[in-house]
């Protein structure tokens, strides 16, 4: 499974998410989206997931805490206990042994991030 993890501010739009996703997913066949459960119901997330028609994994914040990430946002570290919500969500949803294909990418408006991880086939 190849998962695109998303992190975003409350001001993000579906276009913000799309911009970050387009940067992160180049050359990868993404099969699912993931983010922290606290973002459930955000209009941008709902619209974006519908546009892509991909399953959306909403992960408990505890699943993200402590995930080793390639980048570190002080805000993400303070709020969620991980350096990057996007990277941690992608890794967590892709399963045990997953690895990031690249560090998170940031949308041009700086309101959203996206990272892609690949899981280990079972």
Foldseek 3Di string as FASTA:
>chain_A
DKEKEKDFDLPDALVQAVQQCVVACVPHDHQAYEFAQVCPPRHSVVVNCVVVVHHYHHHHLVQQAPDAAPAADPVCCVPRNYRDRRRSGQQSVQDPPKDWPDHWGGGPVRGMIITMIHHDDD
